[in-house]
């Protein structure tokens, strides 16, 4: 007979006592496990929310980084692989740099405003000479208009008379001849700036883009007609009414400028 059986016969009370202690120990372990499970159930709902928030923020950061650095590759060359003129971001950025950094503030009537006009005319003449190398290129006409006059407009419920002197317009016309004279597209910008800014974005970028379009299109053989008119008078609610018929033939501009209507 085993020792355990003999122990039970000799000490029946103690055997019951040991059994009770084991049951208490098991009950304690079960209660502890139950409490632990309750504690886990209380914490678990917070973990997915935190993970979701972190994942969402990380996703936004990744998307911002992705779209910031996946812009189209800038084209620095002025000509493509087949020798055709292409829009060059490098050329455009150089124009913006010269206007906003080398020349700086280009307030109407200042020396800097005159310098910017001379710089633009120099570039335009360079592009015209380049276009002449192509016998099939578009007609390239340039005109500089200097106007003096006045006009009325309303500002803050008041009637204001504005008088301007020697306001300059540079007009460039690209045309394929009489067959294209019926319709035309006009692009305009201003090369002056306000009192508080050197005018890189307003409107140096517009001027730079326009110059690159002139360079590319003037060397193209596609038949079309376009007018380009950089002006030098920057004022909110400004109305400039010019007839650009004294310069490039058949290009009429009745109304353009920085408008609020």
Protein backbone atom coordinates (compact mmCIF):
# COMPACT_ATOMS: atom_id res chain seq x y z
CA UNK A 1 0.00 0.00 0.00
CA UNK A 2 1.33 3.40 -0.85
CA UNK A 3 2.58 5.96 1.64
CA UNK A 4 -0.19 8.35 0.70
CA UNK A 5 -2.86 5.83 1.59
CA UNK A 6 -1.21 5.11 4.94
CA UNK A 7 -1.01 8.86 5.63
CA UNK A 8 -4.72 9.24 4.96
CA UNK A 9 -5.55 6.40 7.33
CA UNK A 10 -3.37 7.71 10.10
CA UNK A 11 -4.38 11.38 9.71
CA UNK A 12 -7.83 11.63 8.12
CA UNK A 13 -8.40 15.15 9.51
CA UNK A 14 -5.17 16.52 8.16
CA UNK A 15 -5.95 15.10 4.73
CA UNK A 16 -9.17 17.11 4.67
CA UNK A 17 -7.26 20.15 5.85
CA UNK A 18 -4.75 19.77 3.01
CA UNK A 19 -7.59 19.39 0.52
CA UNK A 20 -9.23 22.56 1.81
CA UNK A 21 -5.98 24.50 1.54
CA UNK A 22 -5.55 23.35 -2.05
CA UNK A 23 -9.07 24.43 -2.92
CA UNK A 24 -8.51 27.85 -1.32
CA UNK A 25 -5.28 28.21 -3.26
CA UNK A 26 -7.05 27.31 -6.50
CA UNK A 27 -9.87 29.73 -5.75
CA UNK A 28 -7.34 32.49 -5.08
CA UNK A 29 -5.54 31.77 -8.33
CA UNK A 30 -8.83 31.78 -10.23
CA UNK A 31 -9.88 35.07 -8.66
CA UNK A 32 -6.49 36.59 -9.41
CA UNK A 33 -6.71 35.42 -13.00
CA UNK A 34 -10.24 36.79 -13.26
CA UNK A 35 -9.12 40.14 -11.89
CA UNK A 36 -6.22 40.14 -14.31
CA UNK A 37 -8.58 39.47 -17.20
CA UNK A 38 -10.84 42.29 -16.07
CA UNK A 39 -7.85 44.63 -15.98
CA UNK A 40 -6.80 43.59 -19.47
CA UNK A 41 -10.30 44.14 -20.81
CA UNK A 42 -10.27 47.67 -19.44
CA UNK A 43 -6.94 48.57 -21.10
CA UNK A 44 -7.33 46.87 -24.47
CA UNK A 45 -9.94 49.30 -25.95
CA UNK A 46 -7.44 52.20 -25.58
CA UNK A 47 -4.62 50.48 -27.43
CA UNK A 48 -6.28 50.27 -30.91
CA UNK A 49 -7.32 53.94 -30.71
CA UNK A 50 -3.77 55.03 -29.95
CA UNK A 51 -2.37 52.86 -32.68
CA UNK A 52 -4.97 54.18 -35.13
CA UNK A 53 -4.12 57.79 -34.29
CA UNK A 54 -0.39 57.22 -34.65
CA UNK A 55 -0.92 55.36 -37.92
CA UNK A 56 -3.13 58.14 -39.26
CA UNK A 57 -0.61 60.85 -38.39
CA UNK A 58 2.23 58.81 -39.84
CA UNK A 59 0.21 58.34 -43.02
CA UNK A 60 -0.38 62.07 -43.35
CA UNK A 61 3.32 62.73 -42.86
CA UNK A 62 4.19 60.17 -45.51
CA UNK A 63 1.70 61.61 -48.00
CA UNK A 64 2.99 65.14 -47.41
CA UNK A 65 6.56 63.98 -47.93
CA UNK A 66 5.58 61.92 -50.98
CA UNK A 67 3.73 64.70 -52.79
CA UNK A 68 6.34 67.30 -51.83
CA UNK A 69 9.16 65.37 -53.44
CA UNK A 70 7.32 63.77 -56.35
CA UNK A 71 6.67 66.93 -58.36
CA UNK A 72 7.47 66.79 -62.08
CA UNK A 73 11.19 66.89 -62.70
CA UNK A 74 12.18 70.46 -63.62
CA UNK A 75 13.47 70.93 -67.14
CA UNK A 76 16.70 72.91 -67.10
CA UNK A 77 17.59 72.57 -70.76
CA UNK A 78 16.36 75.17 -73.23
CA UNK A 79 16.11 72.65 -76.05
CA UNK A 80 14.84 69.10 -76.25
CA UNK A 81 16.65 66.04 -77.63
CA UNK A 82 15.45 66.81 -81.16
CA UNK A 83 16.58 70.43 -81.01
CA UNK A 84 13.12 71.89 -80.40
CA UNK A 85 12.72 74.74 -77.93
CA UNK A 86 11.18 73.62 -74.63
CA UNK A 87 10.03 75.49 -71.55
CA UNK A 88 12.97 75.73 -69.14
CA UNK A 89 12.35 76.24 -65.44
CA UNK A 90 15.98 77.29 -65.08
CA UNK A 91 15.48 80.20 -67.47
CA UNK A 92 12.25 81.24 -65.77
CA UNK A 93 13.82 81.14 -62.31
CA UNK A 94 16.72 83.26 -63.56
CA UNK A 95 14.31 85.95 -64.74
CA UNK A 96 12.57 85.95 -61.35
CA UNK A 97 15.94 86.15 -59.58
CA UNK A 98 17.12 89.13 -61.65
CA UNK A 99 13.87 91.03 -61.19
CA UNK A 100 13.43 90.38 -57.46
CA UNK A 101 17.05 90.17 -56.24
CA UNK A 102 19.39 91.96 -58.64
CA UNK A 103 16.96 94.79 -59.39
CA UNK A 104 14.70 94.48 -56.35
CA UNK A 105 11.83 96.86 -55.63
CA UNK A 106 10.47 98.11 -58.94
CA UNK A 107 8.17 100.95 -57.96
CA UNK A 108 6.63 102.86 -60.85
CA UNK A 109 8.74 105.88 -61.75
CA UNK A 110 11.93 104.64 -60.09
CA UNK A 111 15.27 103.77 -61.64
CA UNK A 112 14.67 100.09 -60.84
CA UNK A 113 11.45 100.11 -62.83
CA UNK A 114 13.37 101.45 -65.83
CA UNK A 115 16.09 98.82 -65.31
CA UNK A 116 13.53 96.03 -65.33
CA UNK A 117 12.01 97.33 -68.57
CA UNK A 118 15.46 97.47 -70.23
CA UNK A 119 16.22 93.95 -69.01
CA UNK A 120 12.99 92.58 -70.48
CA UNK A 121 13.53 94.33 -73.79
CA UNK A 122 17.04 92.91 -73.98
CA UNK A 123 15.74 89.37 -73.47
CA UNK A 124 12.90 89.85 -75.94
CA UNK A 125 15.32 91.11 -78.59
CA UNK A 126 17.56 88.10 -77.96
CA UNK A 127 14.60 85.77 -78.50
CA UNK A 128 13.62 87.60 -81.67
CA UNK A 129 17.10 87.15 -83.09
CA UNK A 130 16.98 83.44 -82.24
CA UNK A 131 13.65 83.04 -84.01
CA UNK A 132 15.02 84.62 -87.18
CA UNK A 133 17.42 81.70 -87.52
CA UNK A 134 14.38 79.56 -88.39
CA UNK A 135 12.95 80.54 -91.80
CA UNK A 136 9.60 78.95 -90.91
CA UNK A 137 9.25 80.61 -87.51
CA UNK A 138 6.36 82.89 -86.59
CA UNK A 139 6.42 86.61 -87.22
CA UNK A 140 7.90 88.35 -84.19
CA UNK A 141 6.89 91.99 -83.63
CA UNK A 142 7.80 94.17 -80.65
CA UNK A 143 6.38 97.54 -79.69
CA UNK A 144 7.00 99.78 -76.68
CA UNK A 145 4.20 102.17 -75.77
CA UNK A 146 4.54 105.03 -73.31
CA UNK A 147 1.22 106.56 -72.36
CA UNK A 148 0.02 109.51 -70.29
CA UNK A 149 -3.56 110.06 -69.25
CA UNK A 150 -6.13 109.84 -66.48
CA UNK A 151 -9.24 107.95 -65.56
CA UNK A 152 -11.85 107.79 -62.83
CA UNK A 153 -12.64 104.91 -60.50
CA UNK A 154 -14.42 104.38 -57.17
CA UNK A 155 -12.56 103.55 -53.97
CA UNK A 156 -14.29 103.17 -50.58
CA UNK A 157 -17.43 104.86 -51.91
CA UNK A 158 -15.36 107.81 -53.09
CA UNK A 159 -14.70 108.98 -56.61
CA UNK A 160 -10.99 109.01 -57.34
CA UNK A 161 -9.26 110.50 -60.36
CA UNK A 162 -5.98 108.83 -61.24
CA UNK A 163 -3.46 110.57 -63.43
CA UNK A 164 -0.55 108.60 -64.85
CA UNK A 165 2.52 109.78 -66.73
CA UNK A 166 4.80 107.75 -69.00
CA UNK A 167 3.26 104.38 -68.18
CA UNK A 168 5.09 101.79 -70.27
CA UNK A 169 3.72 98.76 -72.09
CA UNK A 170 5.90 96.25 -73.91
CA UNK A 171 3.85 94.52 -76.57
CA UNK A 172 5.03 91.37 -78.35
CA UNK A 173 3.07 89.79 -81.16
CA UNK A 174 3.68 86.34 -82.57
CA UNK A 175 1.73 85.63 -85.75
CA UNK A 176 1.79 83.37 -88.78
CA UNK A 177 0.57 86.12 -91.10
CA UNK A 178 -2.80 87.17 -92.56
CA UNK A 179 -4.30 83.70 -92.20
CA UNK A 180 -3.99 84.00 -88.41
CA UNK A 181 -5.13 87.58 -88.01
CA UNK A 182 -8.80 86.83 -87.39
CA UNK A 183 -8.30 85.59 -83.82
CA UNK A 184 -5.59 86.09 -81.24
CA UNK A 185 -4.80 85.20 -77.64
CA UNK A 186 -3.49 87.94 -75.37
CA UNK A 187 -1.39 87.30 -72.25
CA UNK A 188 -0.45 90.13 -69.92
CA UNK A 189 1.52 90.67 -66.72
CA UNK A 190 3.21 93.55 -64.90
CA UNK A 191 6.92 93.93 -64.21
CA UNK A 192 6.65 96.57 -61.48
CA UNK A 193 6.14 95.80 -57.78
CA UNK A 194 4.45 97.25 -54.72
CA UNK A 195 6.06 99.31 -51.98
CA UNK A 196 6.27 96.36 -49.60
CA UNK A 197 7.65 93.59 -51.82
CA UNK A 198 10.35 93.00 -54.45
CA UNK A 199 7.65 91.27 -56.48
CA UNK A 200 9.02 87.76 -57.01
CA UNK A 201 5.58 86.14 -57.08
CA UNK A 202 3.64 89.30 -57.94
CA UNK A 203 4.35 89.42 -60.75
CA UNK A 204 7.90 88.30 -61.44
CA UNK A 205 6.75 84.73 -61.96
CA UNK A 206 4.12 85.84 -64.46
CA UNK A 207 6.69 87.83 -66.43
CA UNK A 208 9.16 84.93 -66.36
CA UNK A 209 6.59 82.43 -67.61
CA UNK A 210 5.53 84.82 -70.34
CA UNK A 211 9.11 85.30 -71.52
CA UNK A 212 9.70 81.55 -71.70
CA UNK A 213 6.46 81.09 -73.64
CA UNK A 214 7.62 83.79 -76.06
CA UNK A 215 10.99 82.09 -76.50
CA UNK A 216 9.48 78.65 -77.11
CA UNK A 217 6.61 79.73 -79.34
CA UNK A 218 8.70 82.13 -81.40
CA UNK A 219 10.80 79.16 -82.53
CA UNK A 220 7.81 76.94 -83.22
CA UNK A 221 6.38 76.33 -86.67
CA UNK A 222 2.81 75.83 -85.45
CA UNK A 223 0.53 78.46 -86.93
CA UNK A 224 -1.02 80.68 -84.29
CA UNK A 225 -1.29 84.26 -83.12
CA UNK A 226 -0.57 85.51 -79.63
CA UNK A 227 -0.04 88.86 -77.99
CA UNK A 228 2.04 89.51 -74.89
CA UNK A 229 1.79 92.77 -72.99
CA UNK A 230 3.85 93.29 -69.85
CA UNK A 231 2.85 96.59 -68.22
CA UNK A 232 4.45 98.65 -65.47
CA UNK A 233 1.63 100.22 -63.47
CA UNK A 234 0.57 98.28 -60.37
CA UNK A 235 -2.38 99.59 -58.39
CA UNK A 236 -5.41 97.82 -56.99
CA UNK A 237 -8.62 98.55 -58.90
CA UNK A 238 -6.53 100.00 -61.70
CA UNK A 239 -8.09 100.29 -65.12
CA UNK A 240 -5.88 100.66 -68.14
CA UNK A 241 -7.70 101.36 -71.39
CA UNK A 242 -5.27 101.24 -74.27
CA UNK A 243 -5.74 100.59 -77.93
CA UNK A 244 -2.65 98.66 -78.94
CA UNK A 245 -3.21 99.37 -82.61
CA UNK A 246 -0.41 101.83 -83.12
CA UNK A 247 2.14 99.07 -82.60
CA UNK A 248 1.78 95.50 -83.82
CA UNK A 249 -0.71 95.53 -86.65
CA UNK A 250 -4.15 93.99 -86.13
CA UNK A 251 -3.67 93.42 -82.41
CA UNK A 252 -6.28 95.44 -80.54
CA UNK A 253 -6.54 95.53 -76.78
CA UNK A 254 -9.44 97.55 -75.45
CA UNK A 255 -9.30 96.72 -71.77
CA UNK A 256 -6.80 95.01 -69.57
CA UNK A 257 -5.03 95.41 -66.28
CA UNK A 258 -5.39 94.45 -62.63
CA UNK A 259 -9.12 94.45 -62.10
CA UNK A 260 -11.56 93.61 -59.35
CA UNK A 261 -14.55 93.10 -61.61
